[in-house]
Amino acid sequence: MNGRVLRTELKRSVAPWAGAVVLGGSLAIFFLIDGMWWRDTAGWAAQWTSMALWTRYLLAFWWPLAVGLGAVYGLRDSRSRMAELLATTPRPAWRRAALPAGALALTLAAGFGLLVLVGAVQVMLGDTAYGATDYRTLGWLPISLVAALALVAGAVFGMGVARSLPSVLTPPALVVLTLATTATLLRQGSDGEVPSGPAPNRLTQLSPATAEPREMLLTLAGSVHLGQAFWLLGLLATGFALLAAATRRARLLALAPVLAGAALALLILPVHPRDTYVVDKTAAAMVCDGPVCVTRAHRSHLPELAARGVEALRLLREVLGDRAPSTVREDTRPRALGGQRDITADVVLVDFDEELFASAKGKDLTRALVAQGLAPNCHGHSAREGGGREDVALQSVAASWAFGDPRLEPLEDRGADQWARRTWEQADTAWQRLTALPPAEQRARIGELHAAAISCEGYGRLPALAGEASR
């Protein structure tokens, strides 16, 4: 009997539309918009954890919508003027509430589950410039499970509130309130190593939506999953209790679960953002082949990088002698956008988010490693950070000299804007003046360039390489 009624609910109610909106809307955003989710190693199709975090990020839109759809669903009895009639039936109120709530919860969970399934297929196929990953982890599961719980809890809570406050203004009011609260809690600064917002961190984590993923190795701490689960279970229990409540006293008592869940969550959730977004130690563990090391999450890059890395280290020894780096290692330290990297003379740092290494293969990869070893960039210039043109031009001069090229070979496209043209004009001048010097003087200039790059002595190194006074 219950199964037949549930099928009727799924066929004749608006419940299936809720799951369809979550699934269709998310896929439209991911596939029709060329956003940051396709850009780097933290893209939604690059790694399992980043895939789960990107789907959680979309809860900033879908969670308020789920609450609003639940509220619309909860007004059904009052709109049809059947509330008093149903109250006189011998069937318990909680049983009458269970079927519509279950139908809405089922469709929302199914819609989000299909979204995660599509993301999982993308990760396994490696539909990005970085190729498929062979790193397998179950650490993404709690992220997605809490997201599904949030959608279900929000929808049921919306139903309960609308049943208690049967007004046409209830659904839009709940949507606006939830959307404003979520947006406020989600707002984050870009100057920290991990996402942080203006509100206290514990309060921020009551929102199920996560910040936009920007570091492949960052994930949510276990205490975040646990605290959010308690809060959302309390919200779900309150919503269902409001659905079944028939008196004012029962409605007041229905608030107890959400208050208890929030109190328990605030005791468990981390105080500081650094304890909320943590480095996945398993993914960040180093896998090495001789002097070349990458993270376990990127071990599929190791065969190519190891072969080219050994060749690059040999060329660097020929140029720099005892000052040459001895290892190649992936950069794993989280940093603020545009923040300074930890540069040392004995290590060539590789960041797969940078265009220099994102898709480089064969000789291009060797050139990139030599360039990074001779003139390491102190600040990253990934798709998120931009900039870095002077660094790339400087590295192009250094790599072309090391490879004995007859002319300057840019490591990246020169660009067409005024600043790019000016930078590459300086690079051409530096190249011509450098190659016009005696070999010993050329080697000395490259050594000075390397020392200045290691010490991160600001800008103006292209004019200095050309023999002009630096700015």
Protein backbone atom coordinates (compact mmCIF):
# COMPACT_ATOMS: atom_id res chain seq x y z
CA MET A 1 0.00 0.00 0.00
CA ASN A 2 2.71 2.47 0.99
CA GLY A 3 4.71 1.57 -2.10
CA ARG A 4 1.72 2.28 -4.34
CA VAL A 5 1.09 5.63 -2.64
CA LEU A 6 4.76 6.50 -2.97
CA ARG A 7 4.66 5.74 -6.70
CA THR A 8 1.61 7.95 -7.01
CA GLU A 9 3.45 10.74 -5.21
CA LEU A 10 6.38 10.41 -7.60
CA LYS A 11 4.11 10.41 -10.66
CA ARG A 12 1.63 13.15 -9.80
CA SER A 13 3.46 15.56 -7.52
CA VAL A 14 6.23 18.10 -8.10
CA ALA A 15 8.72 15.95 -6.19
CA PRO A 16 10.56 14.60 -9.31
CA TRP A 17 11.19 18.16 -10.48
CA ALA A 18 13.32 18.84 -7.44
CA GLY A 19 15.84 16.13 -8.34
CA ALA A 20 15.68 17.10 -12.02
CA VAL A 21 16.54 20.73 -11.21
CA VAL A 22 19.53 19.73 -9.06
CA LEU A 23 20.87 17.32 -11.68
CA GLY A 24 20.07 19.32 -14.81
CA GLY A 25 21.06 22.67 -13.34
CA SER A 26 24.40 21.36 -12.08
CA LEU A 27 25.28 19.68 -15.36
CA ALA A 28 24.32 22.85 -17.25
CA ILE A 29 26.69 24.88 -15.07
CA PHE A 30 29.55 22.41 -15.42
CA PHE A 31 29.27 21.67 -19.13
CA LEU A 32 27.87 24.89 -20.61
CA ILE A 33 30.09 27.34 -18.72
CA ASP A 34 33.85 27.31 -19.18
CA GLY A 35 34.59 28.02 -15.53
CA MET A 36 37.39 27.35 -13.07
CA TRP A 37 36.09 23.81 -12.59
CA TRP A 38 37.84 22.93 -15.89
CA ARG A 39 41.01 24.89 -15.28
CA ASP A 40 43.50 23.19 -12.98
CA THR A 41 44.33 20.19 -10.82
CA ALA A 42 41.48 21.13 -8.46
CA GLY A 43 38.94 20.85 -11.27
CA TRP A 44 35.84 18.74 -10.84
CA ALA A 45 37.05 16.14 -13.36
CA ALA A 46 40.68 16.04 -12.14
CA GLN A 47 40.54 14.31 -8.75
CA TRP A 48 37.94 12.57 -6.57
CA THR A 49 38.07 15.00 -3.66
CA SER A 50 37.90 18.11 -5.83
CA MET A 51 34.97 16.57 -7.73
CA ALA A 52 33.07 16.14 -4.46
CA LEU A 53 33.96 19.66 -3.30
CA TRP A 54 32.79 21.23 -6.55
CA THR A 55 29.41 19.51 -6.23
CA ARG A 56 29.24 20.74 -2.63
CA TYR A 57 30.07 24.24 -3.84
CA LEU A 58 26.89 24.22 -5.95
CA LEU A 59 24.82 23.78 -2.79
CA ALA A 60 25.09 27.55 -2.48
CA PHE A 61 22.36 27.55 -5.16
CA TRP A 62 20.56 24.24 -4.62
CA TRP A 63 20.21 24.21 -0.84
CA PRO A 64 18.03 27.37 -0.70
CA LEU A 65 16.09 26.00 -3.68
CA ALA A 66 15.53 22.67 -1.91
CA VAL A 67 14.21 24.50 1.15
CA GLY A 68 11.88 26.54 -1.05
CA LEU A 69 10.62 23.53 -3.02
CA GLY A 70 9.97 21.72 0.25
CA ALA A 71 7.95 24.70 1.46
CA VAL A 72 5.88 24.72 -1.75
CA TYR A 73 5.29 20.99 -1.30
CA GLY A 74 4.32 21.55 2.33
CA LEU A 75 1.54 23.97 1.33
CA ARG A 76 -0.27 21.33 -0.70
CA ASP A 77 -2.85 20.42 1.93
CA SER A 78 -3.65 24.02 2.85
CA ARG A 79 -3.94 25.06 -0.81
CA SER A 80 -6.38 22.23 -1.48
CA ARG A 81 -8.28 23.08 1.74
CA MET A 82 -7.95 19.50 2.98
CA ALA A 83 -5.96 20.14 6.16
CA GLU A 84 -8.95 19.90 8.50
CA LEU A 85 -10.35 16.86 6.69
CA LEU A 86 -7.06 14.97 6.88
CA ALA A 87 -6.74 15.85 10.56
CA THR A 88 -9.94 13.92 11.27
CA THR A 89 -8.72 10.68 9.70
CA PRO A 90 -7.53 7.90 12.04
CA ARG A 91 -4.19 7.65 10.26
CA PRO A 92 -1.34 9.07 12.40
CA ALA A 93 -0.06 12.47 11.29
CA TRP A 94 3.56 11.27 11.10
CA ARG A 95 2.55 8.51 8.68
CA ARG A 96 0.71 10.96 6.44
CA ALA A 97 3.79 13.20 6.47
CA ALA A 98 6.27 10.40 5.77
CA LEU A 99 5.20 9.63 2.20
CA PRO A 100 5.40 13.13 0.65
CA ALA A 101 8.56 13.86 2.61
CA GLY A 102 10.04 10.55 1.51
CA ALA A 103 9.15 11.21 -2.14
CA LEU A 104 10.82 14.62 -2.12
CA ALA A 105 13.86 13.30 -0.23
CA LEU A 106 14.21 10.37 -2.63
CA THR A 107 14.20 12.54 -5.75
CA LEU A 108 16.65 15.07 -4.33
CA ALA A 109 19.05 12.35 -3.19
CA ALA A 110 18.72 10.58 -6.55
CA GLY A 111 19.35 13.78 -8.50
CA PHE A 112 22.44 14.63 -6.49
CA GLY A 113 23.62 11.02 -6.60
CA LEU A 114 23.43 11.02 -10.40
CA LEU A 115 25.41 14.26 -10.45
CA VAL A 116 28.14 12.64 -8.38
CA LEU A 117 28.04 9.61 -10.67
CA VAL A 118 28.61 11.83 -13.72
CA GLY A 119 31.51 13.46 -11.89
CA ALA A 120 32.96 10.07 -11.02
CA VAL A 121 32.85 9.04 -14.69
CA GLN A 122 34.61 12.28 -15.64
CA VAL A 123 37.36 11.61 -13.11
CA MET A 124 37.86 8.03 -14.30
CA LEU A 125 37.95 9.11 -17.95
CA GLY A 126 40.33 11.95 -17.18
CA ASP A 127 38.45 14.46 -19.32
CA THR A 128 40.94 17.28 -18.63
CA ALA A 129 44.36 18.41 -19.80
CA TYR A 130 45.87 16.49 -16.88
CA GLY A 131 44.63 13.07 -17.97
CA ALA A 132 43.06 10.35 -15.87
CA THR A 133 44.16 9.94 -12.28
CA ASP A 134 45.19 6.57 -10.89
CA TYR A 135 44.83 7.80 -7.32
CA ARG A 136 41.88 6.10 -5.64
CA THR A 137 40.44 7.30 -2.35
CA LEU A 138 37.19 7.07 -0.38
CA GLY A 139 37.83 10.37 1.37
CA TRP A 140 35.39 12.09 -0.98
CA LEU A 141 32.42 9.97 0.14
CA PRO A 142 31.67 11.85 3.40
CA ILE A 143 31.75 15.13 1.46
CA SER A 144 29.06 13.91 -0.93
CA LEU A 145 27.00 12.09 1.71
CA VAL A 146 26.75 15.22 3.84
CA ALA A 147 25.68 17.16 0.73
CA ALA A 148 22.87 14.70 0.00
CA LEU A 149 21.81 14.85 3.66
CA ALA A 150 21.76 18.66 3.45
CA LEU A 151 19.40 18.65 0.47
CA VAL A 152 17.04 16.17 2.13
CA ALA A 153 17.12 17.96 5.49
CA GLY A 154 16.56 21.35 3.88
CA ALA A 155 13.59 20.13 1.86
CA VAL A 156 11.90 18.42 4.82
CA PHE A 157 12.53 21.44 7.02
CA GLY A 158 10.92 23.66 4.38
CA MET A 159 7.90 21.34 4.30
CA GLY A 160 7.57 21.48 8.06
CA VAL A 161 7.81 25.26 8.24
CA ALA A 162 5.24 25.66 5.48
CA ARG A 163 2.88 23.23 7.23
CA SER A 164 3.20 25.28 10.41
CA LEU A 165 2.99 28.67 8.61
CA PRO A 166 0.62 28.02 5.68
CA SER A 167 1.11 31.21 3.69
CA VAL A 168 2.01 31.84 0.05
CA LEU A 169 4.80 34.06 1.36
CA THR A 170 6.47 31.24 3.27
CA PRO A 171 8.35 29.60 0.34
CA PRO A 172 9.87 32.80 -1.10
CA ALA A 173 10.71 34.07 2.37
CA LEU A 174 12.52 30.82 3.19
CA VAL A 175 14.42 30.90 -0.13
CA VAL A 176 15.56 34.50 0.34
CA LEU A 177 16.52 33.96 3.97
CA THR A 178 18.43 30.74 3.26
CA LEU A 179 20.14 32.18 0.19
CA ALA A 180 21.23 35.32 2.01
CA THR A 181 22.53 33.35 4.97
CA THR A 182 24.40 30.88 2.78
CA ALA A 183 25.96 33.63 0.67
CA THR A 184 27.08 35.52 3.77
CA LEU A 185 28.62 32.46 5.39
CA LEU A 186 30.25 31.35 2.14
CA ARG A 187 31.85 34.70 1.34
CA GLN A 188 35.60 34.20 1.60
CA GLY A 189 38.82 36.12 1.37
CA SER A 190 41.50 35.29 -1.17
CA ASP A 191 44.52 36.25 0.87
CA GLY A 192 44.76 33.17 3.06
CA GLU A 193 46.28 29.76 2.48
CA VAL A 194 42.88 28.17 3.14
CA PRO A 195 39.38 29.61 2.53
CA SER A 196 38.03 31.81 5.31
CA GLY A 197 35.08 34.15 5.69
CA PRO A 198 33.97 37.16 7.73
CA ALA A 199 31.87 35.11 10.16
CA PRO A 200 33.27 32.94 12.98
CA ASN A 201 34.53 29.70 11.48
CA ARG A 202 32.22 27.42 13.47
CA LEU A 203 29.21 29.41 12.36
CA THR A 204 30.40 29.35 8.76
CA GLN A 205 30.51 25.56 8.77
CA LEU A 206 26.78 25.36 9.50
CA SER A 207 26.30 26.10 5.81
CA PRO A 208 26.53 22.87 3.78
CA ALA A 209 28.01 24.73 0.79
CA THR A 210 31.81 24.73 0.64
CA ALA A 211 34.20 27.30 -0.74
CA GLU A 212 35.38 27.05 -4.34
CA PRO A 213 38.15 24.40 -4.43
CA ARG A 214 41.49 25.93 -5.36
CA GLU A 215 44.07 23.47 -3.99
CA MET A 216 44.00 19.86 -5.11
CA LEU A 217 45.46 18.57 -1.83
CA LEU A 218 43.00 20.34 0.48
CA THR A 219 40.02 18.45 1.87
CA LEU A 220 37.57 18.82 4.75
CA ALA A 221 38.55 17.55 8.17
CA GLY A 222 36.65 14.66 9.74
CA SER A 223 35.31 16.90 12.50
CA VAL A 224 33.60 19.02 9.84
CA HIS A 225 31.73 15.99 8.46
CA LEU A 226 30.69 14.91 11.95
CA GLY A 227 29.57 18.35 13.13
CA GLN A 228 27.61 19.07 9.97
CA ALA A 229 25.96 15.65 10.09
CA PHE A 230 24.67 16.30 13.64
CA TRP A 231 23.38 19.75 12.66
CA LEU A 232 21.64 18.49 9.52
CA LEU A 233 20.12 15.48 11.28
CA GLY A 234 18.70 17.88 13.85
CA LEU A 235 17.29 20.03 11.06
CA LEU A 236 15.77 16.96 9.42
CA ALA A 237 14.19 15.80 12.68
CA THR A 238 12.74 19.25 13.33
CA GLY A 239 11.27 19.42 9.84
CA PHE A 240 9.61 16.05 10.17
CA ALA A 241 8.34 16.87 13.66
CA LEU A 242 6.78 20.09 12.33
CA LEU A 243 5.08 18.08 9.60
CA ALA A 244 3.50 15.78 12.16
CA ALA A 245 2.74 18.45 14.81
CA ALA A 246 -0.93 19.26 15.35
CA THR A 247 -0.72 21.64 18.31
CA ARG A 248 1.28 24.74 19.20
CA ARG A 249 3.03 22.88 21.99
CA ALA A 250 4.08 20.12 19.61
CA ARG A 251 5.50 22.71 17.22
CA LEU A 252 7.52 24.31 19.98
CA LEU A 253 8.85 20.91 21.06
CA ALA A 254 9.76 20.21 17.43
CA LEU A 255 12.45 22.90 17.65
CA ALA A 256 14.40 20.86 20.21
CA PRO A 257 16.22 18.59 17.69
CA VAL A 258 17.56 21.45 15.55
CA LEU A 259 18.70 23.37 18.61
CA ALA A 260 20.39 20.30 20.05
CA GLY A 261 22.00 19.47 16.71
CA ALA A 262 23.30 23.02 16.30
CA ALA A 263 24.69 23.08 19.85
CA LEU A 264 26.43 19.74 19.37
CA ALA A 265 27.78 20.80 15.99
CA LEU A 266 29.23 24.03 17.39
CA LEU A 267 31.11 21.96 19.96
CA ILE A 268 32.59 19.67 17.29
CA LEU A 269 33.28 21.99 14.34
CA PRO A 270 36.82 23.43 14.15
CA VAL A 271 37.51 26.88 15.53
CA HIS A 272 40.07 27.90 12.89
CA PRO A 273 39.87 27.69 9.07
CA ARG A 274 43.26 25.94 9.02
CA ASP A 275 41.65 23.05 10.94
CA THR A 276 38.64 23.01 8.60
CA TYR A 277 40.49 22.66 5.29
CA VAL A 278 43.40 20.31 5.84
CA VAL A 279 45.98 18.71 3.59
CA ASP A 280 45.07 15.18 2.56
CA LYS A 281 48.19 13.45 3.86
CA THR A 282 47.61 10.32 1.80
CA ALA A 283 47.26 12.28 -1.44
CA ALA A 284 50.25 14.49 -0.55
CA ALA A 285 52.58 11.58 0.25
CA MET A 286 55.62 11.66 -2.03
CA VAL A 287 56.28 8.99 -4.65
CA CYS A 288 59.82 9.15 -6.03
CA ASP A 289 61.82 7.81 -8.93
CA GLY A 290 65.43 8.68 -8.22
CA PRO A 291 65.76 12.43 -7.65
CA VAL A 292 62.26 13.20 -8.98
CA CYS A 293 59.27 13.14 -6.62
CA VAL A 294 55.56 13.86 -7.09
CA THR A 295 52.54 13.47 -4.85
CA ARG A 296 50.67 10.21 -4.76
CA ALA A 297 47.70 11.98 -6.33
CA HIS A 298 49.87 12.81 -9.37
CA ARG A 299 51.92 9.64 -9.59
CA SER A 300 50.64 9.13 -13.15
CA HIS A 301 52.93 12.05 -14.09
CA LEU A 302 56.01 10.40 -12.57
CA PRO A 303 57.29 8.27 -15.51
CA GLU A 304 57.45 11.21 -17.91
CA LEU A 305 58.64 13.68 -15.29
CA ALA A 306 61.35 11.34 -13.99
CA ALA A 307 62.88 10.80 -17.43
CA ARG A 308 62.82 14.49 -18.26
CA GLY A 309 63.84 15.53 -14.78
CA VAL A 310 67.09 13.58 -14.86
CA GLU A 311 67.97 15.19 -18.19
CA ALA A 312 67.10 18.65 -16.88
CA LEU A 313 69.21 18.19 -13.74
CA ARG A 314 72.17 17.18 -15.91
CA LEU A 315 71.86 20.34 -18.01
CA LEU A 316 71.53 22.46 -14.88
CA ARG A 317 74.75 20.96 -13.47
CA GLU A 318 76.56 21.85 -16.68
CA VAL A 319 75.39 25.46 -16.38
CA LEU A 320 75.45 26.12 -12.63
CA GLY A 321 78.02 23.60 -11.39
CA ASP A 322 77.90 23.10 -7.62
CA ARG A 323 75.03 25.57 -7.28
CA ALA A 324 72.72 23.45 -9.43
CA PRO A 325 69.62 21.85 -7.87
CA SER A 326 69.82 18.14 -7.20
CA THR A 327 66.14 17.14 -7.04
CA VAL A 328 62.83 17.80 -8.75
CA ARG A 329 59.81 17.88 -6.46
CA GLU A 330 56.14 18.78 -6.75
CA ASP A 331 55.16 21.85 -4.76
CA THR A 332 52.71 20.77 -2.05
CA ARG A 333 52.61 23.75 0.29
CA PRO A 334 49.22 25.55 0.27
CA ARG A 335 49.60 29.27 -0.29
CA ALA A 336 47.44 32.32 -0.73
CA LEU A 337 46.57 33.35 -4.27
CA GLY A 338 49.65 35.19 -5.51
CA GLY A 339 51.52 34.29 -2.33
CA GLN A 340 55.26 33.70 -2.28
CA ARG A 341 56.57 30.16 -2.71
CA ASP A 342 59.28 28.49 -0.65
CA ILE A 343 62.21 28.65 -3.10
CA THR A 344 65.42 26.79 -2.34
CA ALA A 345 68.52 26.40 -4.49
CA ASP A 346 68.66 22.61 -4.31
CA VAL A 347 65.11 21.84 -5.49
CA VAL A 348 63.27 22.46 -8.76
CA LEU A 349 59.65 23.00 -7.71
CA VAL A 350 56.93 21.77 -10.07
CA ASP A 351 53.37 23.06 -9.86
CA PHE A 352 51.02 21.29 -12.28
CA ASP A 353 48.54 24.16 -11.97
CA GLU A 354 50.95 26.44 -13.83
CA GLU A 355 50.69 26.60 -17.59
CA LEU A 356 54.40 25.85 -17.82
CA PHE A 357 53.83 22.28 -16.57
CA ALA A 358 50.11 21.70 -17.10
CA SER A 359 50.41 19.92 -20.45
CA ALA A 360 54.14 19.95 -21.23
CA LYS A 361 55.49 16.72 -22.69
CA GLY A 362 58.80 15.52 -24.08
CA LYS A 363 61.36 18.21 -24.82
CA ASP A 364 58.94 20.95 -23.78
CA LEU A 365 58.85 19.45 -20.29
CA THR A 366 62.66 19.33 -20.17
CA ARG A 367 62.81 22.99 -21.18
CA ALA A 368 60.25 23.90 -18.52
CA LEU A 369 62.27 22.13 -15.82
CA VAL A 370 65.51 23.79 -16.92
CA ALA A 371 63.80 27.17 -16.99
CA GLN A 372 62.38 26.62 -13.50
CA GLY A 373 65.79 25.51 -12.24
CA LEU A 374 67.65 28.53 -13.67
CA ALA A 375 65.07 31.22 -12.85
CA PRO A 376 62.42 29.89 -10.45
CA ASN A 377 59.34 32.08 -10.09
CA CYS A 378 58.74 33.20 -6.53
CA HIS A 379 55.03 33.73 -7.13
CA GLY A 380 52.77 31.28 -8.89
CA HIS A 381 51.08 32.22 -12.15
CA SER A 382 48.33 29.66 -12.53
CA ALA A 383 44.98 30.27 -14.23
CA ARG A 384 43.61 31.57 -10.91
CA GLU A 385 46.52 33.88 -10.18
CA GLY A 386 47.34 35.30 -13.62
CA GLY A 387 50.38 37.47 -14.15
CA GLY A 388 53.87 36.00 -14.34
CA ARG A 389 54.66 37.31 -17.83
CA GLU A 390 58.03 38.74 -16.82
CA ASP A 391 58.89 35.47 -15.08
CA VAL A 392 58.01 33.45 -18.19
CA ALA A 393 59.96 35.81 -20.47
CA LEU A 394 62.97 35.61 -18.17
CA GLN A 395 62.75 31.83 -18.00
CA SER A 396 62.47 31.67 -21.78
CA VAL A 397 65.74 33.60 -22.16
CA ALA A 398 67.47 31.34 -19.63
CA ALA A 399 66.18 28.10 -21.17
CA SER A 400 67.00 29.17 -24.73
CA TRP A 401 70.55 30.01 -23.64
CA ALA A 402 70.97 26.69 -21.80
CA PHE A 403 69.79 24.73 -24.86
CA GLY A 404 71.98 26.74 -27.23
CA ASP A 405 69.06 27.92 -29.35
CA PRO A 406 69.95 30.28 -32.23
CA ARG A 407 67.02 32.51 -31.28
CA LEU A 408 64.76 33.15 -28.30
CA GLU A 409 62.13 30.39 -27.95
CA PRO A 410 59.15 31.49 -25.76
CA LEU A 411 57.95 28.92 -23.25
CA GLU A 412 54.40 30.22 -23.62
CA ASP A 413 52.44 32.31 -26.10
CA ARG A 414 53.73 35.88 -26.16
CA GLY A 415 50.28 37.47 -25.90
CA ALA A 416 48.98 40.50 -27.75
CA ASP A 417 48.23 43.15 -25.11
CA GLN A 418 50.42 46.18 -24.54
CA TRP A 419 52.03 44.87 -21.34
CA ALA A 420 52.88 41.54 -23.00
CA ARG A 421 54.42 43.26 -26.04
CA ARG A 422 56.54 45.48 -23.80
CA THR A 423 57.71 42.52 -21.71
CA TRP A 424 58.73 40.46 -24.74
CA GLU A 425 60.49 43.44 -26.32
CA GLN A 426 62.62 43.59 -23.18
CA ALA A 427 63.17 39.84 -23.44
CA ASP A 428 64.31 40.12 -27.06
CA THR A 429 66.70 42.90 -26.10
CA ALA A 430 68.05 40.89 -23.17
CA TRP A 431 68.53 37.87 -25.44
CA GLN A 432 70.42 39.82 -28.10
CA ARG A 433 72.72 41.49 -25.59
CA LEU A 434 73.31 38.28 -23.65
CA THR A 435 74.27 36.23 -26.69
CA ALA A 436 76.56 39.03 -27.93
CA LEU A 437 78.77 38.67 -24.83
CA PRO A 438 81.77 36.33 -24.56
CA PRO A 439 80.82 32.82 -23.32
CA ALA A 440 82.34 33.34 -19.89
CA GLU A 441 80.41 36.58 -19.41
CA GLN A 442 77.20 34.88 -20.57
CA ARG A 443 77.64 32.15 -17.96
CA ALA A 444 78.31 34.75 -15.27
CA ARG A 445 75.13 36.64 -16.18
CA ILE A 446 73.07 33.45 -15.98
CA GLY A 447 74.62 32.68 -12.58
CA GLU A 448 73.68 36.14 -11.35
CA LEU A 449 70.17 35.63 -12.69
CA HIS A 450 69.87 32.33 -10.80
CA ALA A 451 71.06 33.89 -7.52
CA ALA A 452 68.63 36.81 -7.86
CA ALA A 453 65.72 34.47 -8.63
CA ILE A 454 66.48 32.27 -5.60
CA SER A 455 66.50 35.32 -3.33
CA CYS A 456 63.24 36.66 -4.86
CA GLU A 457 64.68 40.11 -5.46
CA GLY A 458 61.57 41.61 -7.01
CA TYR A 459 61.20 42.74 -10.61
CA GLY A 460 63.53 44.31 -13.14
CA ARG A 461 65.64 41.21 -13.84
CA LEU A 462 65.17 41.38 -17.61
CA PRO A 463 66.89 44.79 -17.86
CA ALA A 464 69.58 43.53 -15.46
CA LEU A 465 70.18 40.52 -17.67
CA ALA A 466 70.55 42.89 -20.61
CA GLY A 467 73.21 44.84 -18.71
CA GLU A 468 70.95 47.76 -17.76
CA ALA A 469 70.34 49.14 -14.28
CA SER A 470 67.46 47.22 -12.66
CA ARG A 471 64.39 49.03 -11.44
